């Protein structure tokens, strides 16, 4: 029997680090939108402050966007 394929899972801190990198790159972009960069920063901050199990639960339930920030 074949095992179900599941994509690799990143933890919330790894995702937050990626969001910060996107924020930095977007702020360095010529004519970059500082509001967009700040939104990525806020997203990173929210993930860092949220419990790991809460993030996982919200992702599974399709409710990640309900986090404040």
N, C-alpha and C. Protein backbone atom coordinates (compact mmCIF):
# COMPACT_ATOMS: atom_id res chain seq x y z
N UNK A 1 0.84 -1.18 0.00
CA UNK A 1 0.00 0.00 0.00
C UNK A 1 0.88 1.24 0.00
N UNK A 2 0.54 2.20 -0.82
CA UNK A 2 1.34 3.43 -0.92
C UNK A 2 0.98 4.38 0.20
N UNK A 3 2.00 5.01 0.70
CA UNK A 3 1.81 6.01 1.75
C UNK A 3 1.36 7.33 1.12
N UNK A 4 0.46 8.02 1.78
CA UNK A 4 -0.02 9.31 1.27
C UNK A 4 1.13 10.31 1.26
N UNK A 5 1.21 11.09 0.21
CA UNK A 5 2.26 12.11 0.10
C UNK A 5 1.78 13.39 0.76
N UNK A 6 2.56 13.87 1.70
CA UNK A 6 2.25 15.14 2.36
C UNK A 6 3.39 16.10 2.09
N UNK A 7 3.06 17.33 1.71
CA UNK A 7 4.13 18.31 1.48
C UNK A 7 4.86 18.62 2.79
N UNK A 8 6.11 19.05 2.70
CA UNK A 8 6.83 19.39 3.93
C UNK A 8 6.14 20.51 4.67
N UNK A 9 6.21 20.46 5.98
CA UNK A 9 5.55 21.45 6.81
C UNK A 9 6.61 22.37 7.41
N UNK A 10 6.41 23.67 7.27
CA UNK A 10 7.29 24.64 7.88
C UNK A 10 6.68 25.08 9.19
N UNK A 11 7.50 25.30 10.18
CA UNK A 11 6.94 25.79 11.43
C UNK A 11 6.70 27.30 11.33
N UNK A 12 5.98 27.82 12.28
CA UNK A 12 5.56 29.22 12.23
C UNK A 12 6.75 30.17 12.22
N UNK A 13 7.85 29.81 12.89
CA UNK A 13 9.01 30.70 12.91
C UNK A 13 9.74 30.71 11.57
N UNK A 14 9.75 29.57 10.90
CA UNK A 14 10.35 29.51 9.56
C UNK A 14 9.53 30.34 8.58
N UNK A 15 8.21 30.25 8.70
CA UNK A 15 7.33 31.04 7.84
C UNK A 15 7.51 32.53 8.14
N UNK A 16 7.61 32.88 9.42
CA UNK A 16 7.82 34.29 9.80
C UNK A 16 9.13 34.81 9.21
N UNK A 17 10.17 33.99 9.24
CA UNK A 17 11.46 34.40 8.67
C UNK A 17 11.32 34.65 7.16
N UNK A 18 10.57 33.80 6.49
CA UNK A 18 10.35 34.01 5.05
C UNK A 18 9.56 35.28 4.78
N UNK A 19 8.56 35.55 5.62
CA UNK A 19 7.79 36.79 5.46
C UNK A 19 8.68 38.02 5.65
N UNK A 20 9.58 37.95 6.62
CA UNK A 20 10.51 39.08 6.84
C UNK A 20 11.44 39.27 5.64
N UNK A 21 11.87 38.16 5.05
CA UNK A 21 12.73 38.25 3.86
C UNK A 21 11.96 38.88 2.70
N UNK A 22 10.72 38.49 2.52
CA UNK A 22 9.88 39.08 1.47
C UNK A 22 9.72 40.58 1.73
N UNK A 23 9.51 40.94 3.00
CA UNK A 23 9.36 42.36 3.36
C UNK A 23 10.62 43.14 2.99
N UNK A 24 11.76 42.57 3.31
CA UNK A 24 13.02 43.24 3.00
C UNK A 24 13.20 43.40 1.50
N UNK A 25 12.98 42.32 0.77
CA UNK A 25 13.13 42.38 -0.69
C UNK A 25 12.16 43.38 -1.31
N UNK A 26 10.94 43.41 -0.80
CA UNK A 26 9.96 44.33 -1.37
C UNK A 26 10.31 45.78 -1.04
N UNK A 27 10.91 46.01 0.12
CA UNK A 27 11.30 47.38 0.46
C UNK A 27 12.52 47.84 -0.35
N UNK A 28 13.34 46.90 -0.79
CA UNK A 28 14.53 47.24 -1.58
C UNK A 28 14.21 47.40 -3.06
N UNK A 29 13.07 46.89 -3.46
CA UNK A 29 12.66 46.95 -4.86
C UNK A 29 12.48 48.40 -5.29
N UNK A 30 12.94 48.71 -6.46
CA UNK A 30 12.81 50.08 -6.99
C UNK A 30 11.33 50.44 -7.05
N UNK A 31 10.98 51.54 -6.42
CA UNK A 31 9.59 51.94 -6.37
C UNK A 31 8.76 51.04 -5.46
N UNK A 32 9.45 50.34 -4.55
CA UNK A 32 8.77 49.40 -3.65
C UNK A 32 7.69 50.06 -2.82
N UNK A 33 6.72 49.29 -2.47
CA UNK A 33 5.59 49.76 -1.69
C UNK A 33 5.86 49.53 -0.21
N UNK A 34 6.09 50.59 0.55
CA UNK A 34 6.44 50.42 1.97
C UNK A 34 5.28 49.85 2.77
N UNK A 35 4.06 50.07 2.32
CA UNK A 35 2.89 49.53 3.02
C UNK A 35 2.83 48.00 2.86
N UNK A 36 3.17 47.55 1.67
CA UNK A 36 3.20 46.12 1.40
C UNK A 36 4.30 45.45 2.25
N UNK A 37 5.47 46.09 2.30
CA UNK A 37 6.56 45.55 3.11
C UNK A 37 6.15 45.49 4.58
N UNK A 38 5.48 46.51 5.06
CA UNK A 38 5.04 46.54 6.46
C UNK A 38 3.99 45.46 6.73
N UNK A 39 3.16 45.17 5.76
CA UNK A 39 2.15 44.12 5.92
C UNK A 39 2.83 42.76 6.11
N UNK A 40 3.90 42.50 5.36
CA UNK A 40 4.64 41.25 5.53
C UNK A 40 5.29 41.20 6.92
N UNK A 41 5.81 42.33 7.37
CA UNK A 41 6.41 42.41 8.71
C UNK A 41 5.36 42.10 9.78
N UNK A 42 4.18 42.68 9.64
CA UNK A 42 3.09 42.43 10.61
C UNK A 42 2.70 40.96 10.61
N UNK A 43 2.64 40.36 9.45
CA UNK A 43 2.32 38.94 9.36
C UNK A 43 3.34 38.10 10.10
N UNK A 44 4.62 38.45 9.95
CA UNK A 44 5.69 37.73 10.65
C UNK A 44 5.53 37.89 12.16
N UNK A 45 5.25 39.10 12.60
CA UNK A 45 5.08 39.36 14.03
C UNK A 45 3.92 38.55 14.62
N UNK A 46 2.82 38.49 13.89
CA UNK A 46 1.65 37.75 14.36
C UNK A 46 1.99 36.26 14.49
N UNK A 47 2.65 35.71 13.50
CA UNK A 47 3.01 34.29 13.56
C UNK A 47 3.95 34.00 14.72
N UNK A 48 4.89 34.89 14.96
CA UNK A 48 5.84 34.68 16.06
C UNK A 48 5.15 34.69 17.42
N UNK A 49 4.07 35.44 17.55
CA UNK A 49 3.37 35.56 18.83
C UNK A 49 2.28 34.51 19.02
N UNK A 50 1.96 33.77 17.98
CA UNK A 50 0.87 32.80 18.02
C UNK A 50 1.42 31.42 18.38
N UNK A 51 0.68 30.70 19.20
CA UNK A 51 1.07 29.34 19.58
C UNK A 51 1.15 28.45 18.34
N UNK A 52 2.15 27.56 18.31
CA UNK A 52 2.37 26.67 17.17
C UNK A 52 1.12 25.84 16.86
N UNK A 53 0.51 25.27 17.88
CA UNK A 53 -0.66 24.41 17.62
C UNK A 53 -1.84 25.22 17.09
N UNK A 54 -1.96 26.49 17.48
CA UNK A 54 -3.05 27.33 16.97
C UNK A 54 -2.86 27.60 15.49
N UNK A 55 -1.62 27.85 15.09
CA UNK A 55 -1.35 28.10 13.66
C UNK A 55 -1.71 26.86 12.85
N UNK A 56 -1.27 25.69 13.31
CA UNK A 56 -1.57 24.44 12.61
C UNK A 56 -3.06 24.18 12.49
N UNK A 57 -3.77 24.41 13.58
CA UNK A 57 -5.22 24.21 13.58
C UNK A 57 -5.89 25.15 12.59
N UNK A 58 -5.50 26.41 12.60
CA UNK A 58 -6.11 27.38 11.68
C UNK A 58 -5.80 27.06 10.22
N UNK A 59 -4.58 26.57 9.96
CA UNK A 59 -4.23 26.20 8.59
C UNK A 59 -5.11 25.03 8.13
N UNK A 60 -5.23 24.00 8.97
CA UNK A 60 -6.05 22.84 8.61
C UNK A 60 -7.51 23.21 8.39
N UNK A 61 -7.99 24.17 9.16
CA UNK A 61 -9.40 24.58 9.06
C UNK A 61 -9.62 25.71 8.05
N UNK A 62 -8.54 26.18 7.41
CA UNK A 62 -8.65 27.25 6.43
C UNK A 62 -8.99 28.60 7.07
N UNK A 63 -8.52 28.81 8.30
CA UNK A 63 -8.86 30.03 9.04
C UNK A 63 -7.64 30.86 9.42
N UNK A 64 -6.53 30.66 8.74
CA UNK A 64 -5.30 31.39 9.09
C UNK A 64 -5.48 32.89 8.96
N UNK A 65 -6.25 33.32 8.00
CA UNK A 65 -6.43 34.77 7.78
C UNK A 65 -7.24 35.43 8.89
N UNK A 66 -7.80 34.64 9.78
CA UNK A 66 -8.56 35.22 10.89
C UNK A 66 -7.67 35.71 12.03
N UNK A 67 -6.37 35.41 11.97
CA UNK A 67 -5.45 35.93 12.99
C UNK A 67 -5.41 37.44 12.87
N UNK A 68 -5.42 38.11 14.02
CA UNK A 68 -5.39 39.58 14.00
C UNK A 68 -4.00 40.06 13.60
N UNK A 69 -3.96 41.10 12.81
CA UNK A 69 -2.68 41.67 12.40
C UNK A 69 -2.68 41.88 10.96
